[in-house]
């Protein structure tokens, strides 16, 4: 679970950096990276939800 949270934190940091680059400087490539990161975040959050439910059953 700790590894998953670490990965999530890194993905969120990457997303934030790229989203800011797109919003503030209009960098199109950063927008593409931010959208890709958002999909990866969604996938990791689903995994977190699954592990969290399993842990609460124990």
PDB file of N, CA and C in Angstrom:
ATOM      1  N   UNK A   1       0.829  -1.185   0.000  1.00  0.00           N
ATOM      2  CA  UNK A   1       0.000   0.000   0.000  1.00  0.00           C
ATOM      3  C   UNK A   1       0.879   1.257   0.000  1.00  0.00           C
ATOM      4  N   UNK A   2       1.988   1.230   0.762  1.00  0.00           N
ATOM      5  CA  UNK A   2       2.868   2.397   0.822  1.00  0.00           C
ATOM      6  C   UNK A   2       3.495   2.691  -0.534  1.00  0.00           C
ATOM      7  N   UNK A   3       3.845   1.636  -1.255  1.00  0.00           N
ATOM      8  CA  UNK A   3       4.425   1.810  -2.588  1.00  0.00           C
ATOM      9  C   UNK A   3       3.414   2.453  -3.532  1.00  0.00           C
ATOM     10  N   UNK A   4       2.175   2.001  -3.449  1.00  0.00           N
ATOM     11  CA  UNK A   4       1.113   2.562  -4.283  1.00  0.00           C
ATOM     12  C   UNK A   4       0.921   4.045  -3.987  1.00  0.00           C
ATOM     13  N   UNK A   5       0.934   4.406  -2.703  1.00  0.00           N
ATOM     14  CA  UNK A   5       0.778   5.810  -2.329  1.00  0.00           C
ATOM     15  C   UNK A   5       1.954   6.651  -2.822  1.00  0.00           C
ATOM     16  N   UNK A   6       3.135   6.083  -2.777  1.00  0.00           N
ATOM     17  CA  UNK A   6       4.312   6.782  -3.288  1.00  0.00           C
ATOM     18  C   UNK A   6       4.187   7.038  -4.789  1.00  0.00           C
ATOM     19  N   UNK A   7       3.750   6.026  -5.519  1.00  0.00           N
ATOM     20  CA  UNK A   7       3.550   6.169  -6.960  1.00  0.00           C
ATOM     21  C   UNK A   7       2.483   7.221  -7.258  1.00  0.00           C
ATOM     22  N   UNK A   8       1.405   7.199  -6.489  1.00  0.00           N
ATOM     23  CA  UNK A   8       0.341   8.185  -6.671  1.00  0.00           C
ATOM     24  C   UNK A   8       0.854   9.599  -6.436  1.00  0.00           C
ATOM     25  N   UNK A   9       1.625   9.781  -5.389  1.00  0.00           N
ATOM     26  CA  UNK A   9       2.184  11.105  -5.102  1.00  0.00           C
ATOM     27  C   UNK A   9       3.065  11.591  -6.243  1.00  0.00           C
ATOM     28  N   UNK A  10       3.866  10.705  -6.818  1.00  0.00           N
ATOM     29  CA  UNK A  10       4.736  11.084  -7.930  1.00  0.00           C
ATOM     30  C   UNK A  10       3.909  11.437  -9.163  1.00  0.00           C
ATOM     31  N   UNK A  11       2.890  10.641  -9.452  1.00  0.00           N
ATOM     32  CA  UNK A  11       2.029  10.922 -10.601  1.00  0.00           C
ATOM     33  C   UNK A  11       1.316  12.262 -10.446  1.00  0.00           C
ATOM     34  N   UNK A  12       0.846  12.540  -9.245  1.00  0.00           N
ATOM     35  CA  UNK A  12       0.152  13.800  -8.998  1.00  0.00           C
ATOM     36  C   UNK A  12       1.113  14.976  -9.145  1.00  0.00           C
ATOM     37  N   UNK A  13       2.341  14.815  -8.678  1.00  0.00           N
ATOM     38  CA  UNK A  13       3.344  15.873  -8.831  1.00  0.00           C
ATOM     39  C   UNK A  13       3.649  16.118 -10.308  1.00  0.00           C
ATOM     40  N   UNK A  14       3.799  15.045 -11.076  1.00  0.00           N
ATOM     41  CA  UNK A  14       4.051  15.178 -12.515  1.00  0.00           C
ATOM     42  C   UNK A  14       2.881  15.861 -13.212  1.00  0.00           C
ATOM     43  N   UNK A  15       1.665  15.443 -12.862  1.00  0.00           N
ATOM     44  CA  UNK A  15       0.473  16.040 -13.459  1.00  0.00           C
ATOM     45  C   UNK A  15       0.408  17.532 -13.158  1.00  0.00           C
ATOM     46  N   UNK A  16       0.640  17.889 -11.909  1.00  0.00           N
ATOM     47  CA  UNK A  16       0.562  19.285 -11.503  1.00  0.00           C
ATOM     48  C   UNK A  16       1.576  20.135 -12.259  1.00  0.00           C
ATOM     49  N   UNK A  17       2.800  19.633 -12.369  1.00  0.00           N
ATOM     50  CA  UNK A  17       3.859  20.357 -13.076  1.00  0.00           C
ATOM     51  C   UNK A  17       3.468  20.583 -14.541  1.00  0.00           C
ATOM     52  N   UNK A  18       3.032  19.529 -15.207  1.00  0.00           N
ATOM     53  CA  UNK A  18       2.693  19.636 -16.626  1.00  0.00           C
ATOM     54  C   UNK A  18       1.430  20.461 -16.857  1.00  0.00           C
ATOM     55  N   UNK A  19       0.447  20.314 -15.991  1.00  0.00           N
ATOM     56  CA  UNK A  19      -0.780  21.097 -16.135  1.00  0.00           C
ATOM     57  C   UNK A  19      -0.481  22.584 -15.968  1.00  0.00           C
ATOM     58  N   UNK A  20       0.382  22.921 -15.024  1.00  0.00           N
ATOM     59  CA  UNK A  20       0.763  24.321 -14.835  1.00  0.00           C
ATOM     60  C   UNK A  20       1.526  24.865 -16.035  1.00  0.00           C
ATOM     61  N   UNK A  21       2.407  24.050 -16.598  1.00  0.00           N
ATOM     62  CA  UNK A  21       3.138  24.481 -17.788  1.00  0.00           C
ATOM     63  C   UNK A  21       2.179  24.793 -18.932  1.00  0.00           C
ATOM     64  N   UNK A  22       1.167  23.968 -19.100  1.00  0.00           N
ATOM     65  CA  UNK A  22       0.207  24.202 -20.172  1.00  0.00           C
ATOM     66  C   UNK A  22      -0.621  25.452 -19.883  1.00  0.00           C
ATOM     67  N   UNK A  23      -1.110  25.576 -18.659  1.00  0.00           N
ATOM     68  CA  UNK A  23      -1.986  26.686 -18.318  1.00  0.00           C
ATOM     69  C   UNK A  23      -1.251  28.028 -18.339  1.00  0.00           C
ATOM     70  N   UNK A  24      -0.031  28.049 -17.818  1.00  0.00           N
ATOM     71  CA  UNK A  24       0.692  29.313 -17.686  1.00  0.00           C
ATOM     72  C   UNK A  24       1.472  29.695 -18.932  1.00  0.00           C
ATOM     73  N   UNK A  25       2.043  28.708 -19.605  1.00  0.00           N
ATOM     74  CA  UNK A  25       2.924  29.004 -20.737  1.00  0.00           C
ATOM     75  C   UNK A  25       2.374  28.528 -22.075  1.00  0.00           C
ATOM     76  N   UNK A  26       1.278  27.807 -22.062  1.00  0.00           N
ATOM     77  CA  UNK A  26       0.684  27.323 -23.303  1.00  0.00           C
ATOM     78  C   UNK A  26       1.489  26.225 -23.980  1.00  0.00           C
ATOM     79  N   UNK A  27       2.233  25.433 -23.206  1.00  0.00           N
ATOM     80  CA  UNK A  27       3.055  24.357 -23.769  1.00  0.00           C
ATOM     81  C   UNK A  27       2.144  23.178 -24.104  1.00  0.00           C
ATOM     82  N   UNK A  28       1.955  22.934 -25.404  1.00  0.00           N
ATOM     83  CA  UNK A  28       1.033  21.880 -25.837  1.00  0.00           C
ATOM     84  C   UNK A  28       1.498  20.490 -25.430  1.00  0.00           C
ATOM     85  N   UNK A  29       2.795  20.240 -25.499  1.00  0.00           N
ATOM     86  CA  UNK A  29       3.326  18.921 -25.125  1.00  0.00           C
ATOM     87  C   UNK A  29       3.073  18.645 -23.644  1.00  0.00           C
ATOM     88  N   UNK A  30       3.158  19.675 -22.823  1.00  0.00           N
ATOM     89  CA  UNK A  30       2.892  19.505 -21.391  1.00  0.00           C
ATOM     90  C   UNK A  30       1.435  19.129 -21.166  1.00  0.00           C
ATOM     91  N   UNK A  31       0.535  19.658 -21.977  1.00  0.00           N
ATOM     92  CA  UNK A  31      -0.873  19.296 -21.878  1.00  0.00           C
ATOM     93  C   UNK A  31      -1.085  17.824 -22.186  1.00  0.00           C
ATOM     94  N   UNK A  32      -0.380  17.339 -23.179  1.00  0.00           N
ATOM     95  CA  UNK A  32      -0.466  15.923 -23.537  1.00  0.00           C
ATOM     96  C   UNK A  32       0.049  15.050 -22.390  1.00  0.00           C
ATOM     97  N   UNK A  33       1.171  15.455 -21.808  1.00  0.00           N
ATOM     98  CA  UNK A  33       1.724  14.698 -20.669  1.00  0.00           C
ATOM     99  C   UNK A  33       0.772  14.738 -19.473  1.00  0.00           C
ATOM    100  N   UNK A  34       0.132  15.880 -19.240  1.00  0.00           N
ATOM    101  CA  UNK A  34      -0.804  16.006 -18.120  1.00  0.00           C
ATOM    102  C   UNK A  34      -2.011  15.097 -18.320  1.00  0.00           C
ATOM    103  N   UNK A  35      -2.518  15.032 -19.538  1.00  0.00           N
ATOM    104  CA  UNK A  35      -3.663  14.153 -19.811  1.00  0.00           C
ATOM    105  C   UNK A  35      -3.278  12.691 -19.626  1.00  0.00           C
ATOM    106  N   UNK A  36      -2.074  12.329 -20.061  1.00  0.00           N
ATOM    107  CA  UNK A  36      -1.589  10.962 -19.882  1.00  0.00           C
ATOM    108  C   UNK A  36      -1.446  10.648 -18.391  1.00  0.00           C
ATOM    109  N   UNK A  37      -0.906  11.586 -17.641  1.00  0.00           N
ATOM    110  CA  UNK A  37      -0.742  11.395 -16.194  1.00  0.00           C
ATOM    111  C   UNK A  37      -2.095  11.254 -15.511  1.00  0.00           C
ATOM    112  N   UNK A  38      -3.095  11.990 -15.976  1.00  0.00           N
ATOM    113  CA  UNK A  38      -4.422  11.902 -15.352  1.00  0.00           C
ATOM    114  C   UNK A  38      -5.014  10.511 -15.527  1.00  0.00           C
ATOM    115  N   UNK A  39      -4.757   9.887 -16.665  1.00  0.00           N
ATOM    116  CA  UNK A  39      -5.233   8.518 -16.873  1.00  0.00           C
ATOM    117  C   UNK A  39      -4.501   7.536 -15.957  1.00  0.00           C
ATOM    118  N   UNK A  40      -3.206   7.747 -15.782  1.00  0.00           N
ATOM    119  CA  UNK A  40      -2.429   6.884 -14.888  1.00  0.00           C
ATOM    120  C   UNK A  40      -2.882   7.060 -13.443  1.00  0.00           C
ATOM    121  N   UNK A  41      -3.201   8.306 -13.060  1.00  0.00           N
ATOM    122  CA  UNK A  41      -3.703   8.566 -11.710  1.00  0.00           C
ATOM    123  C   UNK A  41      -5.016   7.841 -11.495  1.00  0.00           C
ATOM    124  N   UNK A  42      -5.896   7.915 -12.488  1.00  0.00           N
ATOM    125  CA  UNK A  42      -7.194   7.237 -12.380  1.00  0.00           C
ATOM    126  C   UNK A  42      -6.999   5.736 -12.163  1.00  0.00           C
ATOM    127  N   UNK A  43      -6.092   5.141 -12.915  1.00  0.00           N
ATOM    128  CA  UNK A  43      -5.820   3.702 -12.790  1.00  0.00           C
ATOM    129  C   UNK A  43      -5.295   3.363 -11.392  1.00  0.00           C
ATOM    130  N   UNK A  44      -4.366   4.176 -10.889  1.00  0.00           N
ATOM    131  CA  UNK A  44      -3.796   3.934  -9.560  1.00  0.00           C
ATOM    132  C   UNK A  44      -4.843   4.138  -8.467  1.00  0.00           C
ATOM    133  N   UNK A  45      -5.733   5.107  -8.629  1.00  0.00           N
ATOM    134  CA  UNK A  45      -6.786   5.328  -7.640  1.00  0.00           C
ATOM    135  C   UNK A  45      -7.748   4.152  -7.577  1.00  0.00           C
ATOM    136  N   UNK A  46      -8.027   3.554  -8.718  1.00  0.00           N
ATOM    137  CA  UNK A  46      -8.877   2.356  -8.720  1.00  0.00           C
ATOM    138  C   UNK A  46      -8.199   1.218  -7.969  1.00  0.00           C
ATOM    139  N   UNK A  47      -6.888   1.077  -8.160  1.00  0.00           N
ATOM    140  CA  UNK A  47      -6.134   0.049  -7.449  1.00  0.00           C
ATOM    141  C   UNK A  47      -6.137   0.339  -5.948  1.00  0.00           C
ATOM    142  N   UNK A  48      -5.962   1.609  -5.574  1.00  0.00           N
ATOM    143  CA  UNK A  48      -6.005   1.991  -4.167  1.00  0.00           C
ATOM    144  C   UNK A  48      -7.355   1.644  -3.552  1.00  0.00           C
ATOM    145  N   UNK A  49      -8.427   1.956  -4.270  1.00  0.00           N
ATOM    146  CA  UNK A  49      -9.774   1.668  -3.777  1.00  0.00           C
ATOM    147  C   UNK A  49      -9.936   0.171  -3.535  1.00  0.00           C
ATOM    148  N   UNK A  50      -9.438  -0.635  -4.466  1.00  0.00           N
ATOM    149  CA  UNK A  50      -9.520  -2.092  -4.339  1.00  0.00           C
ATOM    150  C   UNK A  50      -8.756  -2.582  -3.116  1.00  0.00           C
ATOM    151  N   UNK A  51      -7.523  -2.104  -2.946  1.00  0.00           N
ATOM    152  CA  UNK A  51      -6.709  -2.523  -1.801  1.00  0.00           C
ATOM    153  C   UNK A  51      -7.293  -2.025  -0.487  1.00  0.00           C
ATOM    154  N   UNK A  52      -7.847  -0.841  -0.497  1.00  0.00           N
ATOM    155  CA  UNK A  52      -8.437  -0.279   0.709  1.00  0.00           C
ATOM    156  C   UNK A  52      -9.642  -1.097   1.160  1.00  0.00           C
ATOM    157  N   UNK A  53     -10.460  -1.526   0.229  1.00  0.00           N
ATOM    158  CA  UNK A  53     -11.635  -2.344   0.562  1.00  0.00           C
ATOM    159  C   UNK A  53     -11.185  -3.680   1.124  1.00  0.00           C
ATOM    160  N   UNK A  54     -10.171  -4.277   0.497  1.00  0.00           N
ATOM    161  CA  UNK A  54      -9.649  -5.560   0.996  1.00  0.00           C
ATOM    162  C   UNK A  54      -9.109  -5.414   2.416  1.00  0.00           C
ATOM    163  N   UNK A  55      -8.404  -4.329   2.679  1.00  0.00           N
ATOM    164  CA  UNK A  55      -7.820  -4.106   3.999  1.00  0.00           C
ATOM    165  C   UNK A  55      -8.896  -3.882   5.056  1.00  0.00           C
ATOM    166  N   UNK A  56      -9.978  -3.245   4.693  1.00  0.00           N
ATOM    167  CA  UNK A  56     -11.043  -2.978   5.667  1.00  0.00           C
ATOM    168  C   UNK A  56     -11.832  -4.235   6.021  1.00  0.00           C
ATOM    169  N   UNK A  57     -11.771  -5.238   5.178  1.00  0.00           N
ATOM    170  CA  UNK A  57     -12.477  -6.492   5.453  1.00  0.00           C
ATOM    171  C   UNK A  57     -11.732  -7.342   6.472  1.00  0.00           C
ATOM    172  N   UNK A  58     -10.442  -7.097   6.624  1.00  0.00           N
ATOM    173  CA  UNK A  58      -9.631  -7.896   7.550  1.00  0.00           C
ATOM    174  C   UNK A  58      -9.743  -7.422   8.960  1.00  0.00           C
TER     175      UNK A  58
END
